[in-house]
Amino acid sequence: MIILGIDPGFGRIGWGLIKDERGKQSLINYDCIETNPNIKLEARIAHIFKDITAIIRKHKPSTIASEELFFGTNVTTALSVGQARGVIMLAAYQNQIPTYLYKPVEIKMAVTGYGSASKAQIQKMVKLILKLDSIPKPDDAADALAIALTHCYSQKMKGIKT
Protein backbone atom coordinates (compact mmCIF):
# COMPACT_ATOMS: atom_id res chain seq x y z
CA MET A 1 0.00 0.00 0.00
CA ILE A 2 1.25 3.50 -0.84
CA ILE A 3 0.07 6.30 1.44
CA LEU A 4 0.27 10.00 0.61
CA GLY A 5 0.38 11.98 3.84
CA ILE A 6 -0.51 15.65 3.64
CA ASP A 7 0.16 18.39 6.17
CA PRO A 8 -2.37 20.99 5.00
CA GLY A 9 -1.43 24.62 4.75
CA PHE A 10 -1.77 27.41 2.26
CA GLY A 11 1.64 28.99 1.84
CA ARG A 12 3.25 25.59 2.28
CA ILE A 13 1.71 22.14 2.07
CA GLY A 14 3.88 19.27 3.24
CA TRP A 15 3.53 15.92 1.52
CA GLY A 16 5.15 12.57 2.09
CA LEU A 17 4.81 9.19 0.43
CA ILE A 18 5.49 5.94 2.21
CA LYS A 19 5.09 2.32 1.25
CA ASP A 20 3.64 -0.08 3.79
CA GLU A 21 4.53 -3.66 2.97
CA ARG A 22 4.00 -6.52 5.43
CA GLY A 23 3.98 -4.13 8.37
CA LYS A 24 7.19 -2.36 7.39
CA GLN A 25 7.17 1.22 6.22
CA SER A 26 9.65 2.73 3.82
CA LEU A 27 10.10 6.18 2.38
CA ILE A 28 9.22 6.86 -1.23
CA ASN A 29 9.50 10.64 -1.41
CA TYR A 30 8.61 13.89 0.36
CA ASP A 31 8.59 17.62 -0.29
CA CYS A 32 6.47 20.74 0.03
CA ILE A 33 4.21 22.61 -2.31
CA GLU A 34 4.75 26.32 -1.87
CA THR A 35 2.49 29.06 -3.12
CA ASN A 36 3.49 32.63 -3.85
CA PRO A 37 1.81 35.06 -1.43
CA ASN A 38 2.06 37.82 -4.07
CA ILE A 39 -0.33 36.20 -6.55
CA LYS A 40 -4.11 36.00 -6.52
CA LEU A 41 -5.88 33.62 -4.19
CA GLU A 42 -7.43 31.63 -7.03
CA ALA A 43 -4.03 31.22 -8.70
CA ARG A 44 -2.58 29.84 -5.46
CA ILE A 45 -5.47 27.39 -5.14
CA ALA A 46 -5.02 26.29 -8.76
CA HIS A 47 -1.28 25.78 -8.11
CA ILE A 48 -2.04 23.50 -5.13
CA PHE A 49 -4.57 21.50 -7.16
CA LYS A 50 -2.19 21.09 -10.11
CA ASP A 51 0.72 19.96 -7.93
CA ILE A 52 -1.31 17.53 -5.81
CA THR A 53 -2.84 16.05 -8.95
CA ALA A 54 0.65 15.60 -10.46
CA ILE A 55 1.87 13.82 -7.29
CA ILE A 56 -1.17 11.53 -7.35
CA ARG A 57 -0.72 10.67 -11.01
CA LYS A 58 3.00 10.04 -10.68
CA HIS A 59 2.96 7.92 -7.51
CA LYS A 60 -0.57 6.44 -7.60
CA PRO A 61 -1.18 6.28 -3.83
CA SER A 62 -3.87 3.89 -2.63
CA THR A 63 -4.84 6.25 0.20
CA ILE A 64 -4.44 9.87 1.23
CA ALA A 65 -4.14 10.81 4.90
CA SER A 66 -4.35 14.39 6.10
CA GLU A 67 -4.40 16.26 9.37
CA GLU A 68 -7.78 17.41 10.56
CA LEU A 69 -7.87 21.18 10.80
CA PHE A 70 -7.92 22.85 14.19
CA PHE A 71 -7.74 26.59 14.65
CA GLY A 72 -8.49 28.58 17.76
CA THR A 73 -9.05 32.19 16.81
CA ASN A 74 -7.36 32.88 13.47
CA VAL A 75 -10.32 32.72 11.10
CA THR A 76 -8.34 34.01 8.10
CA THR A 77 -5.80 31.21 8.39
CA ALA A 78 -8.54 28.64 8.89
CA LEU A 79 -10.34 29.77 5.73
CA SER A 80 -7.20 29.69 3.59
CA VAL A 81 -6.11 26.28 4.83
CA GLY A 82 -9.67 25.00 4.42
CA GLN A 83 -9.66 26.12 0.79
CA ALA A 84 -6.36 24.35 0.19
CA ARG A 85 -7.60 21.18 1.86
CA GLY A 86 -10.76 21.37 -0.25
CA VAL A 87 -8.84 21.23 -3.53
CA ILE A 88 -6.62 18.46 -2.16
CA MET A 89 -9.74 16.44 -1.33
CA LEU A 90 -11.16 17.24 -4.79
CA ALA A 91 -7.99 15.90 -6.44
CA ALA A 92 -8.27 12.74 -4.32
CA TYR A 93 -11.94 12.31 -5.21
CA GLN A 94 -11.35 12.84 -8.92
CA ASN A 95 -8.69 10.14 -8.81
CA GLN A 96 -10.90 7.81 -6.73
CA ILE A 97 -8.52 7.74 -3.76
CA PRO A 98 -10.03 7.45 -0.29
CA THR A 99 -9.06 10.21 2.14
CA TYR A 100 -8.71 9.83 5.91
CA LEU A 101 -8.37 12.64 8.45
CA TYR A 102 -6.47 12.46 11.73
CA LYS A 103 -6.46 14.78 14.73
CA PRO A 104 -3.10 16.11 15.94
CA VAL A 105 -3.35 14.06 19.15
CA GLU A 106 -3.96 10.89 17.11
CA ILE A 107 -0.83 11.58 15.07
CA LYS A 108 1.25 12.15 18.20
CA MET A 109 -0.08 8.97 19.82
CA ALA A 110 0.46 6.84 16.71
CA VAL A 111 4.02 7.97 16.04
CA THR A 112 5.39 8.50 19.57
CA GLY A 113 2.93 6.78 21.90
CA TYR A 114 2.43 10.09 23.74
CA GLY A 115 -0.47 12.45 22.98
CA SER A 116 1.42 15.55 24.10
CA ALA A 117 4.62 14.84 22.16
CA SER A 118 6.56 17.81 20.84
CA LYS A 119 7.18 18.46 17.16
CA ALA A 120 10.84 17.51 17.71
CA GLN A 121 9.86 14.15 19.25
CA ILE A 122 7.56 13.38 16.31
CA GLN A 123 10.29 14.26 13.81
CA LYS A 124 12.83 12.04 15.58
CA MET A 125 10.40 9.13 15.51
CA VAL A 126 9.72 9.66 11.78
CA LYS A 127 13.48 9.49 11.21
CA LEU A 128 13.81 6.29 13.28
CA ILE A 129 10.75 4.50 11.90
CA LEU A 130 11.68 5.20 8.28
CA LYS A 131 15.40 4.55 8.95
CA LEU A 132 16.48 7.91 7.57
CA ASP A 133 19.90 9.53 7.98
CA SER A 134 18.36 12.82 9.07
CA ILE A 135 15.04 14.40 9.96
CA PRO A 136 13.15 15.36 6.79
CA LYS A 137 13.11 19.08 6.06
CA PRO A 138 11.16 21.27 5.94
CA ASP A 139 9.07 20.49 9.02
CA ASP A 140 5.87 20.34 6.97
CA ALA A 141 7.23 17.38 5.00
CA ALA A 142 8.23 15.56 8.21
CA ASP A 143 4.71 16.20 9.55
CA ALA A 144 3.21 14.77 6.36
CA LEU A 145 5.27 11.59 6.79
CA ALA A 146 4.05 11.33 10.39
CA ILE A 147 0.47 11.59 9.11
CA ALA A 148 1.10 8.82 6.56
CA LEU A 149 2.58 6.62 9.31
CA THR A 150 -0.45 7.34 11.48
CA HIS A 151 -2.67 6.02 8.73
CA CYS A 152 -0.66 2.78 8.54
CA TYR A 153 -0.92 2.18 12.27
CA SER A 154 -4.53 3.30 12.56
CA GLN A 155 -5.78 1.07 9.77
CA LYS A 156 -3.90 -1.94 11.13
CA MET A 157 -5.51 -1.47 14.54
CA LYS A 158 -8.95 -1.26 12.95
CA GLY A 159 -8.22 -4.27 10.75
CA ILE A 160 -8.95 -2.28 7.60
CA LYS A 161 -7.04 -2.97 4.40
CA THR A 162 -6.55 0.05 2.16
C-alpha atoms as a PDB file:
ATOM      1  CA  MET A   1       0.000   0.000   0.000  1.00  0.00           C
ATOM      2  CA  ILE A   2       1.248   3.505  -0.837  1.00  0.00           C
ATOM      3  CA  ILE A   3       0.073   6.304   1.440  1.00  0.00           C
ATOM      4  CA  LEU A   4       0.269   9.998   0.613  1.00  0.00           C
ATOM      5  CA  GLY A   5       0.381  11.976   3.839  1.00  0.00           C
ATOM      6  CA  ILE A   6      -0.509  15.648   3.635  1.00  0.00           C
ATOM      7  CA  ASP A   7       0.156  18.389   6.169  1.00  0.00           C
ATOM      8  CA  PRO A   8      -2.366  20.994   5.001  1.00  0.00           C
ATOM      9  CA  GLY A   9      -1.430  24.620   4.748  1.00  0.00           C
ATOM     10  CA  PHE A  10      -1.773  27.411   2.264  1.00  0.00           C
ATOM     11  CA  GLY A  11       1.637  28.990   1.841  1.00  0.00           C
ATOM     12  CA  ARG A  12       3.250  25.594   2.285  1.00  0.00           C
ATOM     13  CA  ILE A  13       1.713  22.137   2.066  1.00  0.00           C
ATOM     14  CA  GLY A  14       3.876  19.272   3.240  1.00  0.00           C
ATOM     15  CA  TRP A  15       3.529  15.917   1.524  1.00  0.00           C
ATOM     16  CA  GLY A  16       5.152  12.567   2.094  1.00  0.00           C
ATOM     17  CA  LEU A  17       4.809   9.191   0.433  1.00  0.00           C
ATOM     18  CA  ILE A  18       5.489   5.942   2.206  1.00  0.00           C
ATOM     19  CA  LYS A  19       5.086   2.324   1.252  1.00  0.00           C
ATOM     20  CA  ASP A  20       3.641  -0.078   3.790  1.00  0.00           C
ATOM     21  CA  GLU A  21       4.530  -3.659   2.968  1.00  0.00           C
ATOM     22  CA  ARG A  22       3.998  -6.524   5.426  1.00  0.00           C
ATOM     23  CA  GLY A  23       3.978  -4.128   8.371  1.00  0.00           C
ATOM     24  CA  LYS A  24       7.192  -2.357   7.389  1.00  0.00           C
ATOM     25  CA  GLN A  25       7.166   1.223   6.223  1.00  0.00           C
ATOM     26  CA  SER A  26       9.654   2.729   3.822  1.00  0.00           C
ATOM     27  CA  LEU A  27      10.096   6.184   2.382  1.00  0.00           C
ATOM     28  CA  ILE A  28       9.225   6.857  -1.235  1.00  0.00           C
ATOM     29  CA  ASN A  29       9.503  10.642  -1.409  1.00  0.00           C
ATOM     30  CA  TYR A  30       8.612  13.887   0.362  1.00  0.00           C
ATOM     31  CA  ASP A  31       8.590  17.623  -0.292  1.00  0.00           C
ATOM     32  CA  CYS A  32       6.471  20.738   0.026  1.00  0.00           C
ATOM     33  CA  ILE A  33       4.206  22.609  -2.313  1.00  0.00           C
ATOM     34  CA  GLU A  34       4.754  26.324  -1.865  1.00  0.00           C
ATOM     35  CA  THR A  35       2.487  29.064  -3.125  1.00  0.00           C
ATOM     36  CA  ASN A  36       3.495  32.633  -3.854  1.00  0.00           C
ATOM     37  CA  PRO A  37       1.808  35.062  -1.434  1.00  0.00           C
ATOM     38  CA  ASN A  38       2.059  37.817  -4.070  1.00  0.00           C
ATOM     39  CA  ILE A  39      -0.330  36.196  -6.547  1.00  0.00           C
ATOM     40  CA  LYS A  40      -4.113  36.003  -6.517  1.00  0.00           C
ATOM     41  CA  LEU A  41      -5.878  33.619  -4.187  1.00  0.00           C
ATOM     42  CA  GLU A  42      -7.431  31.627  -7.030  1.00  0.00           C
ATOM     43  CA  ALA A  43      -4.026  31.223  -8.702  1.00  0.00           C
ATOM     44  CA  ARG A  44      -2.577  29.844  -5.464  1.00  0.00           C
ATOM     45  CA  ILE A  45      -5.474  27.387  -5.139  1.00  0.00           C
ATOM     46  CA  ALA A  46      -5.015  26.288  -8.759  1.00  0.00           C
ATOM     47  CA  HIS A  47      -1.281  25.780  -8.108  1.00  0.00           C
ATOM     48  CA  ILE A  48      -2.040  23.500  -5.134  1.00  0.00           C
ATOM     49  CA  PHE A  49      -4.574  21.496  -7.157  1.00  0.00           C
ATOM     50  CA  LYS A  50      -2.189  21.088 -10.108  1.00  0.00           C
ATOM     51  CA  ASP A  51       0.724  19.960  -7.932  1.00  0.00           C
ATOM     52  CA  ILE A  52      -1.305  17.528  -5.810  1.00  0.00           C
ATOM     53  CA  THR A  53      -2.841  16.047  -8.955  1.00  0.00           C
ATOM     54  CA  ALA A  54       0.645  15.598 -10.458  1.00  0.00           C
ATOM     55  CA  ILE A  55       1.871  13.817  -7.286  1.00  0.00           C
ATOM     56  CA  ILE A  56      -1.173  11.532  -7.348  1.00  0.00           C
ATOM     57  CA  ARG A  57      -0.725  10.672 -11.009  1.00  0.00           C
ATOM     58  CA  LYS A  58       2.999  10.042 -10.678  1.00  0.00           C
ATOM     59  CA  HIS A  59       2.959   7.924  -7.511  1.00  0.00           C
ATOM     60  CA  LYS A  60      -0.568   6.435  -7.599  1.00  0.00           C
ATOM     61  CA  PRO A  61      -1.184   6.280  -3.834  1.00  0.00           C
ATOM     62  CA  SER A  62      -3.868   3.895  -2.629  1.00  0.00           C
ATOM     63  CA  THR A  63      -4.841   6.255   0.199  1.00  0.00           C
ATOM     64  CA  ILE A  64      -4.441   9.872   1.229  1.00  0.00           C
ATOM     65  CA  ALA A  65      -4.143  10.806   4.901  1.00  0.00           C
ATOM     66  CA  SER A  66      -4.346  14.391   6.103  1.00  0.00           C
ATOM     67  CA  GLU A  67      -4.397  16.258   9.365  1.00  0.00           C
ATOM     68  CA  GLU A  68      -7.781  17.408  10.555  1.00  0.00           C
ATOM     69  CA  LEU A  69      -7.873  21.176  10.803  1.00  0.00           C
ATOM     70  CA  PHE A  70      -7.925  22.846  14.194  1.00  0.00           C
ATOM     71  CA  PHE A  71      -7.742  26.590  14.646  1.00  0.00           C
ATOM     72  CA  GLY A  72      -8.489  28.580  17.758  1.00  0.00           C
ATOM     73  CA  THR A  73      -9.051  32.188  16.814  1.00  0.00           C
ATOM     74  CA  ASN A  74      -7.355  32.876  13.470  1.00  0.00           C
ATOM     75  CA  VAL A  75     -10.321  32.720  11.101  1.00  0.00           C
ATOM     76  CA  THR A  76      -8.336  34.011   8.098  1.00  0.00           C
ATOM     77  CA  THR A  77      -5.796  31.213   8.387  1.00  0.00           C
ATOM     78  CA  ALA A  78      -8.544  28.638   8.886  1.00  0.00           C
ATOM     79  CA  LEU A  79     -10.340  29.769   5.727  1.00  0.00           C
ATOM     80  CA  SER A  80      -7.199  29.685   3.591  1.00  0.00           C
ATOM     81  CA  VAL A  81      -6.109  26.280   4.834  1.00  0.00           C
ATOM     82  CA  GLY A  82      -9.667  25.001   4.420  1.00  0.00           C
ATOM     83  CA  GLN A  83      -9.664  26.117   0.789  1.00  0.00           C
ATOM     84  CA  ALA A  84      -6.361  24.350   0.189  1.00  0.00           C
ATOM     85  CA  ARG A  85      -7.599  21.182   1.860  1.00  0.00           C
ATOM     86  CA  GLY A  86     -10.762  21.369  -0.248  1.00  0.00           C
ATOM     87  CA  VAL A  87      -8.836  21.230  -3.526  1.00  0.00           C
ATOM     88  CA  ILE A  88      -6.621  18.458  -2.160  1.00  0.00           C
ATOM     89  CA  MET A  89      -9.741  16.443  -1.332  1.00  0.00           C
ATOM     90  CA  LEU A  90     -11.157  17.235  -4.788  1.00  0.00           C
ATOM     91  CA  ALA A  91      -7.987  15.897  -6.436  1.00  0.00           C
ATOM     92  CA  ALA A  92      -8.273  12.739  -4.321  1.00  0.00           C
ATOM     93  CA  TYR A  93     -11.944  12.314  -5.207  1.00  0.00           C
ATOM     94  CA  GLN A  94     -11.352  12.837  -8.923  1.00  0.00           C
ATOM     95  CA  ASN A  95      -8.695  10.136  -8.810  1.00  0.00           C
ATOM     96  CA  GLN A  96     -10.895   7.809  -6.726  1.00  0.00           C
ATOM     97  CA  ILE A  97      -8.515   7.739  -3.764  1.00  0.00           C
ATOM     98  CA  PRO A  98     -10.027   7.454  -0.287  1.00  0.00           C
ATOM     99  CA  THR A  99      -9.058  10.212   2.142  1.00  0.00           C
ATOM    100  CA  TYR A 100      -8.706   9.832   5.908  1.00  0.00           C
ATOM    101  CA  LEU A 101      -8.375  12.636   8.447  1.00  0.00           C
ATOM    102  CA  TYR A 102      -6.472  12.459  11.732  1.00  0.00           C
ATOM    103  CA  LYS A 103      -6.464  14.782  14.726  1.00  0.00           C
ATOM    104  CA  PRO A 104      -3.097  16.108  15.939  1.00  0.00           C
ATOM    105  CA  VAL A 105      -3.349  14.065  19.150  1.00  0.00           C
ATOM    106  CA  GLU A 106      -3.965  10.887  17.113  1.00  0.00           C
ATOM    107  CA  ILE A 107      -0.831  11.583  15.067  1.00  0.00           C
ATOM    108  CA  LYS A 108       1.253  12.154  18.205  1.00  0.00           C
ATOM    109  CA  MET A 109      -0.079   8.966  19.815  1.00  0.00           C
ATOM    110  CA  ALA A 110       0.459   6.843  16.711  1.00  0.00           C
ATOM    111  CA  VAL A 111       4.017   7.971  16.042  1.00  0.00           C
ATOM    112  CA  THR A 112       5.391   8.505  19.570  1.00  0.00           C
ATOM    113  CA  GLY A 113       2.933   6.785  21.898  1.00  0.00           C
ATOM    114  CA  TYR A 114       2.430  10.086  23.743  1.00  0.00           C
ATOM    115  CA  GLY A 115      -0.474  12.453  22.979  1.00  0.00           C
ATOM    116  CA  SER A 116       1.423  15.551  24.101  1.00  0.00           C
ATOM    117  CA  ALA A 117       4.624  14.843  22.162  1.00  0.00           C
ATOM    118  CA  SER A 118       6.564  17.809  20.836  1.00  0.00           C
ATOM    119  CA  LYS A 119       7.183  18.457  17.159  1.00  0.00           C
ATOM    120  CA  ALA A 120      10.836  17.513  17.706  1.00  0.00           C
ATOM    121  CA  GLN A 121       9.862  14.155  19.247  1.00  0.00           C
ATOM    122  CA  ILE A 122       7.558  13.382  16.311  1.00  0.00           C
ATOM    123  CA  GLN A 123      10.287  14.258  13.812  1.00  0.00           C
ATOM    124  CA  LYS A 124      12.826  12.042  15.579  1.00  0.00           C
ATOM    125  CA  MET A 125      10.404   9.132  15.507  1.00  0.00           C
ATOM    126  CA  VAL A 126       9.719   9.656  11.784  1.00  0.00           C
ATOM    127  CA  LYS A 127      13.480   9.488  11.210  1.00  0.00           C
ATOM    128  CA  LEU A 128      13.807   6.294  13.280  1.00  0.00           C
ATOM    129  CA  ILE A 129      10.747   4.498  11.902  1.00  0.00           C
ATOM    130  CA  LEU A 130      11.676   5.195   8.285  1.00  0.00           C
ATOM    131  CA  LYS A 131      15.397   4.546   8.948  1.00  0.00           C
ATOM    132  CA  LEU A 132      16.485   7.915   7.568  1.00  0.00           C
ATOM    133  CA  ASP A 133      19.899   9.526   7.981  1.00  0.00           C
ATOM    134  CA  SER A 134      18.365  12.818   9.072  1.00  0.00           C
ATOM    135  CA  ILE A 135      15.045  14.400   9.962  1.00  0.00           C
ATOM    136  CA  PRO A 136      13.145  15.364   6.792  1.00  0.00           C
ATOM    137  CA  LYS A 137      13.112  19.081   6.056  1.00  0.00           C
ATOM    138  CA  PRO A 138      11.162  21.274   5.935  1.00  0.00           C
ATOM    139  CA  ASP A 139       9.075  20.486   9.020  1.00  0.00           C
ATOM    140  CA  ASP A 140       5.869  20.342   6.966  1.00  0.00           C
ATOM    141  CA  ALA A 141       7.229  17.377   4.997  1.00  0.00           C
ATOM    142  CA  ALA A 142       8.228  15.562   8.211  1.00  0.00           C
ATOM    143  CA  ASP A 143       4.714  16.198   9.550  1.00  0.00           C
ATOM    144  CA  ALA A 144       3.207  14.766   6.355  1.00  0.00           C
ATOM    145  CA  LEU A 145       5.272  11.594   6.791  1.00  0.00           C
ATOM    146  CA  ALA A 146       4.045  11.335  10.388  1.00  0.00           C
ATOM    147  CA  ILE A 147       0.467  11.587   9.107  1.00  0.00           C
ATOM    148  CA  ALA A 148       1.100   8.821   6.563  1.00  0.00           C
ATOM    149  CA  LEU A 149       2.579   6.618   9.314  1.00  0.00           C
ATOM    150  CA  THR A 150      -0.454   7.342  11.478  1.00  0.00           C
ATOM    151  CA  HIS A 151      -2.669   6.016   8.727  1.00  0.00           C
ATOM    152  CA  CYS A 152      -0.660   2.777   8.541  1.00  0.00           C
ATOM    153  CA  TYR A 153      -0.921   2.181  12.270  1.00  0.00           C
ATOM    154  CA  SER A 154      -4.531   3.298  12.562  1.00  0.00           C
ATOM    155  CA  GLN A 155      -5.784   1.067   9.769  1.00  0.00           C
ATOM    156  CA  LYS A 156      -3.904  -1.937  11.131  1.00  0.00           C
ATOM    157  CA  MET A 157      -5.512  -1.467  14.539  1.00  0.00           C
ATOM    158  CA  LYS A 158      -8.947  -1.257  12.947  1.00  0.00           C
ATOM    159  CA  GLY A 159      -8.221  -4.272  10.747  1.00  0.00           C
ATOM    160  CA  ILE A 160      -8.952  -2.275   7.595  1.00  0.00           C
ATOM    161  CA  LYS A 161      -7.040  -2.975   4.396  1.00  0.00           C
ATOM    162  CA  THR A 162      -6.549   0.047   2.160  1.00  0.00           C
END
